[in-house]
Amino acid sequence: MNENMINLDNKTILITGGTGSFGRNFVKYLLENFLVKKVIVFSRDELKQSQMQAEIKDERLRFFLGDVRDLQRLQRAFNGVDIVIHAAALKQVPTLEYNPFEAVKTNILGSQNVVDAAIDQGVEKVILISTDKAAQPVSLYGSTKLCAEKLFISGNAYAGGKIKLACVRYGNVIGSRGSIVETLLEKKADKVYITDKRMTRFWLSVEESFQLVLFALDNMVGGEIFIPKVPSMKLVDLFEAIAPGIEEEIIGIRPGEKLHEVLLTKEEAKHALELDKYFVILPEYDELFAKEKSKKFNKYLEIGKKLTGDFYFGSENNDRWFTKEEFIAITKKLNV
């Protein structure tokens, strides 16, 4: 199973939501580490595009103004594209509870448009950036991302083997834009509100999110969900690590919030395999993949380990935990 061996030479890569935290940093990473032909940022925010254009000076970088809600615009943008990374989404949990129609239009219908446009334009590979909130969702945001995952997996049946679609699912990225980590590191807050002292979350570095996407692109056969084996940390320990002595207030769990997050559910574990650094969920519905399934996923069956019993990968039952020192060391590398 390949790791960090993908060849992106002369490839044209498009990132929807390319001005977001993941997109902006992934664009830099691609341009610095691969001989790509072109990287296209597709997003609806002209201000962020102009700021990004001023920041990154590379003749291989292109910008395409548009919204994933607009299928016709996606059709035009995907023309000649080899790889699409679908990162565009509305993500603010409370906001989406008050604006559910908007969440559906962007996160679900927008994802359907990405699948349709990719199939019609003959894109080679398409990856959906998903979230731990899609596993056993309790919020509208999580539910829309679960729907997006289902659309991508089933999209392989619509594609008829002509293109490959898969998903990556991960938790909180350390220092992503607007996160509590960034807020505390920039000393924008003199107080933190804690919902529950027992609360745990998954954490990964920006670099780890890139490696996950590259691993998926290199190994995907279509229909998988790739999940990284990342550490957990209690939020109270996180606050103590990066803002020792900061004032705390317990406010109770908010609507749409979990005490612990899950990346791989018990039900999914029944048709998932454990690899060295990742879990891979294989499609549950055989009829979507017809006779191809037994051969298509053989490489995972050969090197992967089946998960037994009632296994699930939750942030509270993790066997890897960040220490305060480890977390501090990672945050020191952040450009904030």
C-alpha atoms as a PDB file:
ATOM      1  CA  MET A   1       0.000   0.000   0.000  1.00  0.00           C
ATOM      2  CA  ASN A   2       1.631   3.237  -1.147  1.00  0.00           C
ATOM      3  CA  GLU A   3       2.355   6.123   1.158  1.00  0.00           C
ATOM      4  CA  ASN A   4       3.614   9.507  -0.061  1.00  0.00           C
ATOM      5  CA  MET A   5       4.501   7.932  -3.417  1.00  0.00           C
ATOM      6  CA  ILE A   6       1.818   9.563  -5.542  1.00  0.00           C
ATOM      7  CA  ASN A   7       2.906  11.103  -8.814  1.00  0.00           C
ATOM      8  CA  LEU A   8       1.085  14.363  -9.561  1.00  0.00           C
ATOM      9  CA  ASP A   9       3.405  15.487 -12.351  1.00  0.00           C
ATOM     10  CA  ASN A  10       1.561  17.404 -15.063  1.00  0.00           C
ATOM     11  CA  LYS A  11      -1.799  16.961 -13.300  1.00  0.00           C
ATOM     12  CA  THR A  12      -4.463  19.669 -13.124  1.00  0.00           C
ATOM     13  CA  ILE A  13      -6.011  19.759  -9.651  1.00  0.00           C
ATOM     14  CA  LEU A  14      -9.091  21.746  -8.661  1.00  0.00           C
ATOM     15  CA  ILE A  15     -10.078  22.441  -5.043  1.00  0.00           C
ATOM     16  CA  THR A  16     -13.623  23.563  -4.290  1.00  0.00           C
ATOM     17  CA  GLY A  17     -13.698  25.873  -1.301  1.00  0.00           C
ATOM     18  CA  GLY A  18     -10.044  26.466  -2.103  1.00  0.00           C
ATOM     19  CA  THR A  19      -9.802  29.677  -0.076  1.00  0.00           C
ATOM     20  CA  GLY A  20     -10.722  27.914   3.183  1.00  0.00           C
ATOM     21  CA  SER A  21      -8.226  26.736   5.811  1.00  0.00           C
ATOM     22  CA  PHE A  22      -7.583  23.359   4.200  1.00  0.00           C
ATOM     23  CA  GLY A  23      -7.679  24.622   0.622  1.00  0.00           C
ATOM     24  CA  ARG A  24      -5.348  27.570   1.087  1.00  0.00           C
ATOM     25  CA  ASN A  25      -2.680  25.478   2.821  1.00  0.00           C
ATOM     26  CA  PHE A  26      -3.097  22.475   0.521  1.00  0.00           C
ATOM     27  CA  VAL A  27      -2.596  24.698  -2.521  1.00  0.00           C
ATOM     28  CA  LYS A  28       0.738  25.890  -1.101  1.00  0.00           C
ATOM     29  CA  TYR A  29       1.731  22.315  -0.309  1.00  0.00           C
ATOM     30  CA  LEU A  30       0.950  21.095  -3.822  1.00  0.00           C
ATOM     31  CA  LEU A  31       2.825  23.929  -5.514  1.00  0.00           C
ATOM     32  CA  GLU A  32       5.867  23.487  -3.274  1.00  0.00           C
ATOM     33  CA  ASN A  33       6.119  19.698  -3.408  1.00  0.00           C
ATOM     34  CA  PHE A  34       4.820  18.518  -6.785  1.00  0.00           C
ATOM     35  CA  LEU A  35       5.369  19.300 -10.455  1.00  0.00           C
ATOM     36  CA  VAL A  36       1.672  19.872 -11.045  1.00  0.00           C
ATOM     37  CA  LYS A  37       0.523  21.404 -14.292  1.00  0.00           C
ATOM     38  CA  LYS A  38      -2.084  23.618 -12.696  1.00  0.00           C
ATOM     39  CA  VAL A  39      -3.895  24.158  -9.380  1.00  0.00           C
ATOM     40  CA  ILE A  40      -7.337  25.755  -9.634  1.00  0.00           C
ATOM     41  CA  VAL A  41      -9.055  27.410  -6.674  1.00  0.00           C
ATOM     42  CA  PHE A  42     -12.832  27.294  -7.058  1.00  0.00           C
ATOM     43  CA  SER A  43     -14.737  29.400  -4.525  1.00  0.00           C
ATOM     44  CA  ARG A  44     -17.390  32.087  -4.241  1.00  0.00           C
ATOM     45  CA  ASP A  45     -15.455  34.665  -2.172  1.00  0.00           C
ATOM     46  CA  GLU A  46     -13.718  37.154  -4.461  1.00  0.00           C
ATOM     47  CA  LEU A  47     -12.013  38.956  -1.558  1.00  0.00           C
ATOM     48  CA  LYS A  48     -10.368  35.794  -0.246  1.00  0.00           C
ATOM     49  CA  GLN A  49      -9.341  34.892  -3.779  1.00  0.00           C
ATOM     50  CA  SER A  50      -7.669  38.278  -4.287  1.00  0.00           C
ATOM     51  CA  GLN A  51      -5.879  37.959  -0.933  1.00  0.00           C
ATOM     52  CA  MET A  52      -4.690  34.477  -1.817  1.00  0.00           C
ATOM     53  CA  GLN A  53      -3.574  35.623  -5.251  1.00  0.00           C
ATOM     54  CA  ALA A  54      -1.480  38.369  -3.658  1.00  0.00           C
ATOM     55  CA  GLU A  55       0.019  35.919  -1.158  1.00  0.00           C
ATOM     56  CA  ILE A  56       0.940  33.058  -3.502  1.00  0.00           C
ATOM     57  CA  LYS A  57       2.958  33.983  -6.569  1.00  0.00           C
ATOM     58  CA  ASP A  58       2.993  30.965  -8.871  1.00  0.00           C
ATOM     59  CA  GLU A  59       2.128  30.882 -12.561  1.00  0.00           C
ATOM     60  CA  ARG A  60       0.544  27.440 -12.126  1.00  0.00           C
ATOM     61  CA  LEU A  61      -2.153  28.838  -9.807  1.00  0.00           C
ATOM     62  CA  ARG A  62      -5.573  29.744 -11.230  1.00  0.00           C
ATOM     63  CA  PHE A  63      -8.754  31.131  -9.676  1.00  0.00           C
ATOM     64  CA  PHE A  64     -12.319  30.344 -10.678  1.00  0.00           C
ATOM     65  CA  LEU A  65     -15.158  32.306  -9.121  1.00  0.00           C
ATOM     66  CA  GLY A  66     -18.260  30.166  -8.619  1.00  0.00           C
ATOM     67  CA  ASP A  67     -20.549  28.315  -6.234  1.00  0.00           C
ATOM     68  CA  VAL A  68     -20.986  24.534  -5.931  1.00  0.00           C
ATOM     69  CA  ARG A  69     -24.734  25.177  -6.045  1.00  0.00           C
ATOM     70  CA  ASP A  70     -24.287  26.125  -9.717  1.00  0.00           C
ATOM     71  CA  LEU A  71     -23.929  22.928 -11.780  1.00  0.00           C
ATOM     72  CA  GLN A  72     -23.329  24.779 -15.028  1.00  0.00           C
ATOM     73  CA  ARG A  73     -20.443  26.707 -13.499  1.00  0.00           C
ATOM     74  CA  LEU A  74     -18.911  23.502 -12.144  1.00  0.00           C
ATOM     75  CA  GLN A  75     -19.191  21.908 -15.599  1.00  0.00           C
ATOM     76  CA  ARG A  76     -17.131  24.730 -17.039  1.00  0.00           C
ATOM     77  CA  ALA A  77     -14.608  24.730 -14.189  1.00  0.00           C
ATOM     78  CA  PHE A  78     -14.014  20.949 -14.349  1.00  0.00           C
ATOM     79  CA  ASN A  79     -13.214  20.930 -18.052  1.00  0.00           C
ATOM     80  CA  GLY A  80      -9.686  19.527 -18.458  1.00  0.00           C
ATOM     81  CA  VAL A  81      -9.288  18.809 -14.723  1.00  0.00           C
ATOM     82  CA  ASP A  82      -7.682  15.520 -13.616  1.00  0.00           C
ATOM     83  CA  ILE A  83      -8.338  15.612  -9.847  1.00  0.00           C
ATOM     84  CA  VAL A  84     -11.008  17.385  -7.780  1.00  0.00           C
ATOM     85  CA  ILE A  85     -10.776  17.866  -4.011  1.00  0.00           C
ATOM     86  CA  HIS A  86     -14.228  18.851  -2.758  1.00  0.00           C
ATOM     87  CA  ALA A  87     -13.674  20.936   0.387  1.00  0.00           C
ATOM     88  CA  ALA A  88     -16.452  23.510  -0.076  1.00  0.00           C
ATOM     89  CA  ALA A  89     -19.047  23.387   2.717  1.00  0.00           C
ATOM     90  CA  LEU A  90     -21.017  25.445   5.191  1.00  0.00           C
ATOM     91  CA  LYS A  91     -19.681  24.368   8.605  1.00  0.00           C
ATOM     92  CA  GLN A  92     -20.878  26.565  11.474  1.00  0.00           C
ATOM     93  CA  VAL A  93     -23.092  24.247  13.532  1.00  0.00           C
ATOM     94  CA  PRO A  94     -25.380  26.834  15.256  1.00  0.00           C
ATOM     95  CA  THR A  95     -25.713  28.921  12.081  1.00  0.00           C
ATOM     96  CA  LEU A  96     -26.808  25.933  10.032  1.00  0.00           C
ATOM     97  CA  GLU A  97     -29.437  24.948  12.606  1.00  0.00           C
ATOM     98  CA  TYR A  98     -31.039  28.356  11.991  1.00  0.00           C
ATOM     99  CA  ASN A  99     -30.503  28.199   8.218  1.00  0.00           C
ATOM    100  CA  PRO A 100     -31.138  24.539   7.342  1.00  0.00           C
ATOM    101  CA  PHE A 101     -32.180  25.127   3.739  1.00  0.00           C
ATOM    102  CA  GLU A 102     -28.833  26.792   3.033  1.00  0.00           C
ATOM    103  CA  ALA A 103     -26.963  23.853   4.558  1.00  0.00           C
ATOM    104  CA  VAL A 104     -28.829  21.426   2.302  1.00  0.00           C
ATOM    105  CA  LYS A 105     -28.243  23.521  -0.829  1.00  0.00           C
ATOM    106  CA  THR A 106     -24.494  23.754  -0.332  1.00  0.00           C
ATOM    107  CA  ASN A 107     -23.463  20.600   1.531  1.00  0.00           C
ATOM    108  CA  ILE A 108     -25.842  18.100  -0.083  1.00  0.00           C
ATOM    109  CA  LEU A 109     -27.011  19.484  -3.424  1.00  0.00           C
ATOM    110  CA  GLY A 110     -23.621  21.133  -3.972  1.00  0.00           C
ATOM    111  CA  SER A 111     -21.929  17.770  -3.448  1.00  0.00           C
ATOM    112  CA  GLN A 112     -24.325  16.153  -5.900  1.00  0.00           C
ATOM    113  CA  ASN A 113     -23.401  18.837  -8.432  1.00  0.00           C
ATOM    114  CA  VAL A 114     -19.704  18.095  -7.909  1.00  0.00           C
ATOM    115  CA  VAL A 115     -20.316  14.397  -8.567  1.00  0.00           C
ATOM    116  CA  ASP A 116     -22.416  15.079 -11.670  1.00  0.00           C
ATOM    117  CA  ALA A 117     -19.974  17.611 -13.120  1.00  0.00           C
ATOM    118  CA  ALA A 118     -16.983  15.345 -12.465  1.00  0.00           C
ATOM    119  CA  ILE A 119     -18.644  12.410 -14.218  1.00  0.00           C
ATOM    120  CA  ASP A 120     -19.752  14.533 -17.169  1.00  0.00           C
ATOM    121  CA  GLN A 121     -16.314  16.142 -17.601  1.00  0.00           C
ATOM    122  CA  GLY A 122     -14.333  12.914 -17.208  1.00  0.00           C
ATOM    123  CA  VAL A 123     -12.371  13.857 -14.084  1.00  0.00           C
ATOM    124  CA  GLU A 124     -10.085  10.973 -13.057  1.00  0.00           C
ATOM    125  CA  LYS A 125     -10.426  11.136  -9.256  1.00  0.00           C
ATOM    126  CA  VAL A 126     -12.630  13.059  -6.833  1.00  0.00           C
ATOM    127  CA  ILE A 127     -12.157  13.236  -3.050  1.00  0.00           C
ATOM    128  CA  LEU A 128     -14.709  14.573  -0.557  1.00  0.00           C
ATOM    129  CA  ILE A 129     -13.320  16.212   2.582  1.00  0.00           C
ATOM    130  CA  SER A 130     -15.655  15.019   5.356  1.00  0.00           C
ATOM    131  CA  THR A 131     -15.751  15.316   9.137  1.00  0.00           C
ATOM    132  CA  ASP A 132     -16.076  13.245  12.283  1.00  0.00           C
ATOM    133  CA  LYS A 133     -19.455  14.940  12.743  1.00  0.00           C
ATOM    134  CA  ALA A 134     -20.767  12.813   9.858  1.00  0.00           C
ATOM    135  CA  ALA A 135     -20.436   9.689  12.015  1.00  0.00           C
ATOM    136  CA  GLN A 136     -23.601   9.254  14.099  1.00  0.00           C
ATOM    137  CA  PRO A 137     -24.582  12.894  13.469  1.00  0.00           C
ATOM    138  CA  VAL A 138     -26.467  14.906  16.090  1.00  0.00           C
ATOM    139  CA  SER A 139     -26.427  18.205  14.185  1.00  0.00           C
ATOM    140  CA  LEU A 140     -27.714  19.277  10.800  1.00  0.00           C
ATOM    141  CA  TYR A 141     -24.135  19.971   9.709  1.00  0.00           C
ATOM    142  CA  GLY A 142     -23.102  16.393  10.488  1.00  0.00           C
ATOM    143  CA  SER A 143     -26.200  15.049   8.769  1.00  0.00           C
ATOM    144  CA  THR A 144     -25.488  16.988   5.570  1.00  0.00           C
ATOM    145  CA  LYS A 145     -21.907  15.730   5.501  1.00  0.00           C
ATOM    146  CA  LEU A 146     -23.146  12.154   5.999  1.00  0.00           C
ATOM    147  CA  CYS A 147     -25.424  12.662   2.985  1.00  0.00           C
ATOM    148  CA  ALA A 148     -22.480  14.025   1.003  1.00  0.00           C
ATOM    149  CA  GLU A 149     -20.469  10.900   1.843  1.00  0.00           C
ATOM    150  CA  LYS A 150     -23.309   8.680   0.650  1.00  0.00           C
ATOM    151  CA  LEU A 151     -23.570  10.653  -2.592  1.00  0.00           C
ATOM    152  CA  PHE A 152     -19.864  10.253  -3.291  1.00  0.00           C
ATOM    153  CA  ILE A 153     -19.824   6.530  -2.553  1.00  0.00           C
ATOM    154  CA  SER A 154     -22.904   5.855  -4.687  1.00  0.00           C
ATOM    155  CA  GLY A 155     -21.552   8.200  -7.359  1.00  0.00           C
ATOM    156  CA  ASN A 156     -19.197   5.406  -8.394  1.00  0.00           C
ATOM    157  CA  ALA A 157     -22.200   3.443  -9.649  1.00  0.00           C
ATOM    158  CA  TYR A 158     -23.318   6.425 -11.750  1.00  0.00           C
ATOM    159  CA  ALA A 159     -19.766   6.818 -13.069  1.00  0.00           C
ATOM    160  CA  GLY A 160     -19.697   3.215 -14.296  1.00  0.00           C
ATOM    161  CA  GLY A 161     -16.008   2.834 -13.526  1.00  0.00           C
ATOM    162  CA  LYS A 162     -14.981   5.798 -15.691  1.00  0.00           C
ATOM    163  CA  ILE A 163     -13.889   7.905 -12.710  1.00  0.00           C
ATOM    164  CA  LYS A 164     -13.185   7.179  -9.044  1.00  0.00           C
ATOM    165  CA  LEU A 165     -14.863   8.899  -6.099  1.00  0.00           C
ATOM    166  CA  ALA A 166     -13.932   8.457  -2.437  1.00  0.00           C
ATOM    167  CA  CYS A 167     -14.025  10.304   0.905  1.00  0.00           C
ATOM    168  CA  VAL A 168     -11.651  11.228   3.691  1.00  0.00           C
ATOM    169  CA  ARG A 169     -13.044  11.801   7.178  1.00  0.00           C
ATOM    170  CA  TYR A 170     -11.124  13.445  10.008  1.00  0.00           C
ATOM    171  CA  GLY A 171     -11.517  15.535  13.173  1.00  0.00           C
ATOM    172  CA  ASN A 172     -10.211  18.918  14.301  1.00  0.00           C
ATOM    173  CA  VAL A 173      -7.201  20.409  12.539  1.00  0.00           C
ATOM    174  CA  ILE A 174      -4.824  22.132  14.932  1.00  0.00           C
ATOM    175  CA  GLY A 175      -4.765  25.858  14.265  1.00  0.00           C
ATOM    176  CA  SER A 176      -7.327  25.950  11.437  1.00  0.00           C
ATOM    177  CA  ARG A 177      -8.835  29.348  10.755  1.00  0.00           C
ATOM    178  CA  GLY A 178     -11.301  30.468  13.426  1.00  0.00           C
ATOM    179  CA  SER A 179     -10.573  27.488  15.693  1.00  0.00           C
ATOM    180  CA  ILE A 180     -10.242  27.801  19.454  1.00  0.00           C
ATOM    181  CA  VAL A 181      -6.547  26.922  19.121  1.00  0.00           C
ATOM    182  CA  GLU A 182      -5.913  29.814  16.743  1.00  0.00           C
ATOM    183  CA  THR A 183      -7.964  32.162  18.938  1.00  0.00           C
ATOM    184  CA  LEU A 184      -5.968  31.292  22.049  1.00  0.00           C
ATOM    185  CA  LEU A 185      -2.596  31.352  20.295  1.00  0.00           C
ATOM    186  CA  GLU A 186      -3.309  34.826  18.955  1.00  0.00           C
ATOM    187  CA  LYS A 187      -4.455  35.839  22.444  1.00  0.00           C
ATOM    188  CA  LYS A 188      -7.834  36.980  21.149  1.00  0.00           C
ATOM    189  CA  ALA A 189      -9.591  35.527  24.186  1.00  0.00           C
ATOM    190  CA  ASP A 190      -9.058  36.109  27.909  1.00  0.00           C
ATOM    191  CA  LYS A 191     -11.625  33.495  28.925  1.00  0.00           C
ATOM    192  CA  VAL A 192     -12.734  30.071  27.685  1.00  0.00           C
ATOM    193  CA  TYR A 193     -16.196  28.565  27.950  1.00  0.00           C
ATOM    194  CA  ILE A 194     -16.124  24.854  28.720  1.00  0.00           C
ATOM    195  CA  THR A 195     -19.221  22.818  27.990  1.00  0.00           C
ATOM    196  CA  ASP A 196     -18.107  19.728  29.932  1.00  0.00           C
ATOM    197  CA  LYS A 197     -14.754  18.921  31.540  1.00  0.00           C
ATOM    198  CA  ARG A 198     -14.950  15.339  30.268  1.00  0.00           C
ATOM    199  CA  MET A 199     -15.182  16.424  26.611  1.00  0.00           C
ATOM    200  CA  THR A 200     -12.651  14.895  24.204  1.00  0.00           C
ATOM    201  CA  ARG A 201     -11.851  15.548  20.564  1.00  0.00           C
ATOM    202  CA  PHE A 202      -9.664  14.128  17.801  1.00  0.00           C
ATOM    203  CA  TRP A 203      -6.797  16.370  16.688  1.00  0.00           C
ATOM    204  CA  LEU A 204      -4.484  16.245  13.694  1.00  0.00           C
ATOM    205  CA  SER A 205      -1.971  18.580  12.141  1.00  0.00           C
ATOM    206  CA  VAL A 206      -2.449  20.318   8.804  1.00  0.00           C
ATOM    207  CA  GLU A 207       0.331  18.151   7.396  1.00  0.00           C
ATOM    208  CA  GLU A 208      -1.495  14.980   8.484  1.00  0.00           C
ATOM    209  CA  SER A 209      -4.645  16.110   6.663  1.00  0.00           C
ATOM    210  CA  PHE A 210      -2.566  16.543   3.492  1.00  0.00           C
ATOM    211  CA  GLN A 211      -0.996  13.105   3.861  1.00  0.00           C
ATOM    212  CA  LEU A 212      -4.440  11.546   4.309  1.00  0.00           C
ATOM    213  CA  VAL A 213      -5.718  13.119   1.084  1.00  0.00           C
ATOM    214  CA  LEU A 214      -2.598  12.096  -0.838  1.00  0.00           C
ATOM    215  CA  PHE A 215      -2.833   8.536   0.504  1.00  0.00           C
ATOM    216  CA  ALA A 216      -6.469   8.370  -0.593  1.00  0.00           C
ATOM    217  CA  LEU A 217      -5.665   9.736  -4.055  1.00  0.00           C
ATOM    218  CA  ASP A 218      -2.842   7.249  -4.496  1.00  0.00           C
ATOM    219  CA  ASN A 219      -4.714   4.154  -3.318  1.00  0.00           C
ATOM    220  CA  MET A 220      -8.424   4.743  -3.978  1.00  0.00           C
ATOM    221  CA  VAL A 221     -10.310   2.401  -6.260  1.00  0.00           C
ATOM    222  CA  GLY A 222     -13.613   4.202  -5.718  1.00  0.00           C
ATOM    223  CA  GLY A 223     -16.151   3.974  -2.910  1.00  0.00           C
ATOM    224  CA  GLU A 224     -13.902   4.094   0.167  1.00  0.00           C
ATOM    225  CA  ILE A 225     -13.908   6.331   3.223  1.00  0.00           C
ATOM    226  CA  PHE A 226     -10.376   6.831   4.576  1.00  0.00           C
ATOM    227  CA  ILE A 227      -9.924   7.682   8.269  1.00  0.00           C
ATOM    228  CA  PRO A 228      -6.620   8.580   9.966  1.00  0.00           C
ATOM    229  CA  LYS A 229      -5.534   7.073  13.281  1.00  0.00           C
ATOM    230  CA  VAL A 230      -5.073  10.372  15.073  1.00  0.00           C
ATOM    231  CA  PRO A 231      -4.672  11.184  18.786  1.00  0.00           C
ATOM    232  CA  SER A 232      -7.331  12.482  21.151  1.00  0.00           C
ATOM    233  CA  MET A 233      -7.114  15.150  23.824  1.00  0.00           C
ATOM    234  CA  LYS A 234      -9.381  16.475  26.532  1.00  0.00           C
ATOM    235  CA  LEU A 235     -10.355  20.079  25.843  1.00  0.00           C
ATOM    236  CA  VAL A 236      -9.476  21.110  29.393  1.00  0.00           C
ATOM    237  CA  ASP A 237      -5.957  19.732  28.861  1.00  0.00           C
ATOM    238  CA  LEU A 238      -5.718  21.575  25.557  1.00  0.00           C
ATOM    239  CA  PHE A 239      -6.640  24.891  27.193  1.00  0.00           C
ATOM    240  CA  GLU A 240      -4.147  24.317  29.979  1.00  0.00           C
ATOM    241  CA  ALA A 241      -1.419  23.502  27.442  1.00  0.00           C
ATOM    242  CA  ILE A 242      -1.719  26.579  25.225  1.00  0.00           C
ATOM    243  CA  ALA A 243      -3.291  29.105  27.631  1.00  0.00           C
ATOM    244  CA  PRO A 244      -2.262  28.109  31.164  1.00  0.00           C
ATOM    245  CA  GLY A 245      -4.138  29.965  33.873  1.00  0.00           C
ATOM    246  CA  ILE A 246      -6.817  31.337  31.538  1.00  0.00           C
ATOM    247  CA  GLU A 247     -10.199  31.934  33.174  1.00  0.00           C
ATOM    248  CA  GLU A 248     -12.686  29.113  32.613  1.00  0.00           C
ATOM    249  CA  GLU A 249     -16.472  28.970  32.820  1.00  0.00           C
ATOM    250  CA  ILE A 250     -18.567  25.778  32.657  1.00  0.00           C
ATOM    251  CA  ILE A 251     -21.666  26.375  30.502  1.00  0.00           C
ATOM    252  CA  GLY A 252     -22.939  22.840  29.719  1.00  0.00           C
ATOM    253  CA  ILE A 253     -23.136  20.988  26.402  1.00  0.00           C
ATOM    254  CA  ARG A 254     -24.640  23.085  23.636  1.00  0.00           C
ATOM    255  CA  PRO A 255     -27.298  21.931  21.142  1.00  0.00           C
ATOM    256  CA  GLY A 256     -25.794  19.787  18.373  1.00  0.00           C
ATOM    257  CA  GLU A 257     -22.652  19.053  20.397  1.00  0.00           C
ATOM    258  CA  LYS A 258     -21.302  15.667  21.503  1.00  0.00           C
ATOM    259  CA  LEU A 259     -19.368  14.826  24.636  1.00  0.00           C
ATOM    260  CA  HIS A 260     -17.053  12.679  22.486  1.00  0.00           C
ATOM    261  CA  GLU A 261     -16.650  12.428  18.729  1.00  0.00           C
ATOM    262  CA  VAL A 262     -16.610   9.261  16.623  1.00  0.00           C
ATOM    263  CA  LEU A 263     -14.625   8.711  13.435  1.00  0.00           C
ATOM    264  CA  LEU A 264     -15.595   5.082  12.847  1.00  0.00           C
ATOM    265  CA  THR A 265     -18.900   3.701  14.162  1.00  0.00           C
ATOM    266  CA  LYS A 266     -19.586   0.134  15.318  1.00  0.00           C
ATOM    267  CA  GLU A 267     -21.784  -0.419  12.268  1.00  0.00           C
ATOM    268  CA  GLU A 268     -19.130   0.865   9.867  1.00  0.00           C
ATOM    269  CA  ALA A 269     -16.404  -1.178  11.561  1.00  0.00           C
ATOM    270  CA  LYS A 270     -18.152  -4.345  10.357  1.00  0.00           C
ATOM    271  CA  HIS A 271     -17.190  -3.485   6.782  1.00  0.00           C
ATOM    272  CA  ALA A 272     -13.947  -1.629   7.493  1.00  0.00           C
ATOM    273  CA  LEU A 273     -10.297  -2.686   7.627  1.00  0.00           C
ATOM    274  CA  GLU A 274      -7.387  -1.460   9.720  1.00  0.00           C
ATOM    275  CA  LEU A 275      -4.250  -0.419   7.842  1.00  0.00           C
ATOM    276  CA  ASP A 276      -0.978   0.849   9.292  1.00  0.00           C
ATOM    277  CA  LYS A 277      -1.900   4.529   9.738  1.00  0.00           C
ATOM    278  CA  TYR A 278      -5.500   4.521   8.565  1.00  0.00           C
ATOM    279  CA  PHE A 279      -8.855   2.773   8.643  1.00  0.00           C
ATOM    280  CA  VAL A 280     -10.660   2.243   5.348  1.00  0.00           C
ATOM    281  CA  ILE A 281     -14.428   1.757   5.208  1.00  0.00           C
ATOM    282  CA  LEU A 282     -15.464  -0.339   2.234  1.00  0.00           C
ATOM    283  CA  PRO A 283     -18.906   0.052   0.622  1.00  0.00           C
ATOM    284  CA  GLU A 284     -21.632  -1.869   2.404  1.00  0.00           C
ATOM    285  CA  TYR A 285     -24.023  -2.290  -0.505  1.00  0.00           C
ATOM    286  CA  ASP A 286     -22.684  -4.914  -2.897  1.00  0.00           C
ATOM    287  CA  GLU A 287     -25.229  -4.156  -5.592  1.00  0.00           C
ATOM    288  CA  LEU A 288     -23.679  -0.732  -6.195  1.00  0.00           C
ATOM    289  CA  PHE A 289     -20.485  -2.359  -7.369  1.00  0.00           C
ATOM    290  CA  ALA A 290     -21.882  -5.564  -8.869  1.00  0.00           C
ATOM    291  CA  LYS A 291     -19.334  -8.268  -9.667  1.00  0.00           C
ATOM    292  CA  GLU A 292     -16.384  -5.899  -9.457  1.00  0.00           C
ATOM    293  CA  LYS A 293     -16.440  -5.693  -5.695  1.00  0.00           C
ATOM    294  CA  SER A 294     -14.612  -8.926  -4.890  1.00  0.00           C
ATOM    295  CA  LYS A 295     -11.672  -7.930  -7.094  1.00  0.00           C
ATOM    296  CA  LYS A 296     -11.849  -4.178  -6.712  1.00  0.00           C
ATOM    297  CA  PHE A 297     -11.037  -4.118  -3.012  1.00  0.00           C
ATOM    298  CA  ASN A 298      -8.694  -7.112  -2.919  1.00  0.00           C
ATOM    299  CA  LYS A 299      -5.623  -5.042  -2.072  1.00  0.00           C
ATOM    300  CA  TYR A 300      -7.236  -3.858   1.158  1.00  0.00           C
ATOM    301  CA  LEU A 301      -8.314  -7.378   2.059  1.00  0.00           C
ATOM    302  CA  GLU A 302      -4.759  -8.637   1.510  1.00  0.00           C
ATOM    303  CA  ILE A 303      -2.982  -6.135   3.779  1.00  0.00           C
ATOM    304  CA  GLY A 304      -5.759  -4.896   6.064  1.00  0.00           C
ATOM    305  CA  LYS A 305      -6.855  -6.350   9.368  1.00  0.00           C
ATOM    306  CA  LYS A 306     -10.515  -6.974  10.094  1.00  0.00           C
ATOM    307  CA  LEU A 307     -11.997  -5.203  13.090  1.00  0.00           C
ATOM    308  CA  THR A 308     -13.523  -7.499  15.665  1.00  0.00           C
ATOM    309  CA  GLY A 309     -16.335  -7.361  18.202  1.00  0.00           C
ATOM    310  CA  ASP A 310     -17.960  -4.027  18.896  1.00  0.00           C
ATOM    311  CA  PHE A 311     -14.959  -1.958  17.848  1.00  0.00           C
ATOM    312  CA  TYR A 312     -15.470   1.726  17.175  1.00  0.00           C
ATOM    313  CA  PHE A 313     -13.004   4.599  16.966  1.00  0.00           C
ATOM    314  CA  GLY A 314     -14.143   7.271  19.385  1.00  0.00           C
ATOM    315  CA  SER A 315     -12.208  10.171  20.855  1.00  0.00           C
ATOM    316  CA  GLU A 316     -12.736   8.759  24.345  1.00  0.00           C
ATOM    317  CA  ASN A 317     -11.611   5.154  23.663  1.00  0.00           C
ATOM    318  CA  ASN A 318      -8.528   6.058  21.640  1.00  0.00           C
ATOM    319  CA  ASP A 319      -5.230   4.348  22.436  1.00  0.00           C
ATOM    320  CA  ARG A 320      -3.311   7.487  21.414  1.00  0.00           C
ATOM    321  CA  TRP A 321      -3.517  10.674  23.476  1.00  0.00           C
ATOM    322  CA  PHE A 322      -1.720  13.959  23.073  1.00  0.00           C
ATOM    323  CA  THR A 323       0.321  15.102  26.046  1.00  0.00           C
ATOM    324  CA  LYS A 324       0.386  18.817  26.782  1.00  0.00           C
ATOM    325  CA  GLU A 325       4.034  18.916  25.703  1.00  0.00           C
ATOM    326  CA  GLU A 326       3.318  17.256  22.364  1.00  0.00           C
ATOM    327  CA  PHE A 327       0.446  19.617  21.646  1.00  0.00           C
ATOM    328  CA  ILE A 328       2.529  22.674  22.513  1.00  0.00           C
ATOM    329  CA  ALA A 329       5.321  21.449  20.221  1.00  0.00           C
ATOM    330  CA  ILE A 330       2.889  21.231  17.290  1.00  0.00           C
ATOM    331  CA  THR A 331       1.360  24.651  17.911  1.00  0.00           C
ATOM    332  CA  LYS A 332       4.815  26.229  17.929  1.00  0.00           C
ATOM    333  CA  LYS A 333       5.174  25.218  14.286  1.00  0.00           C
ATOM    334  CA  LEU A 334       1.978  27.035  13.307  1.00  0.00           C
ATOM    335  CA  ASN A 335       2.216  30.271  11.395  1.00  0.00           C
ATOM    336  CA  VAL A 336      -0.125  32.307  13.635  1.00  0.00           C
END
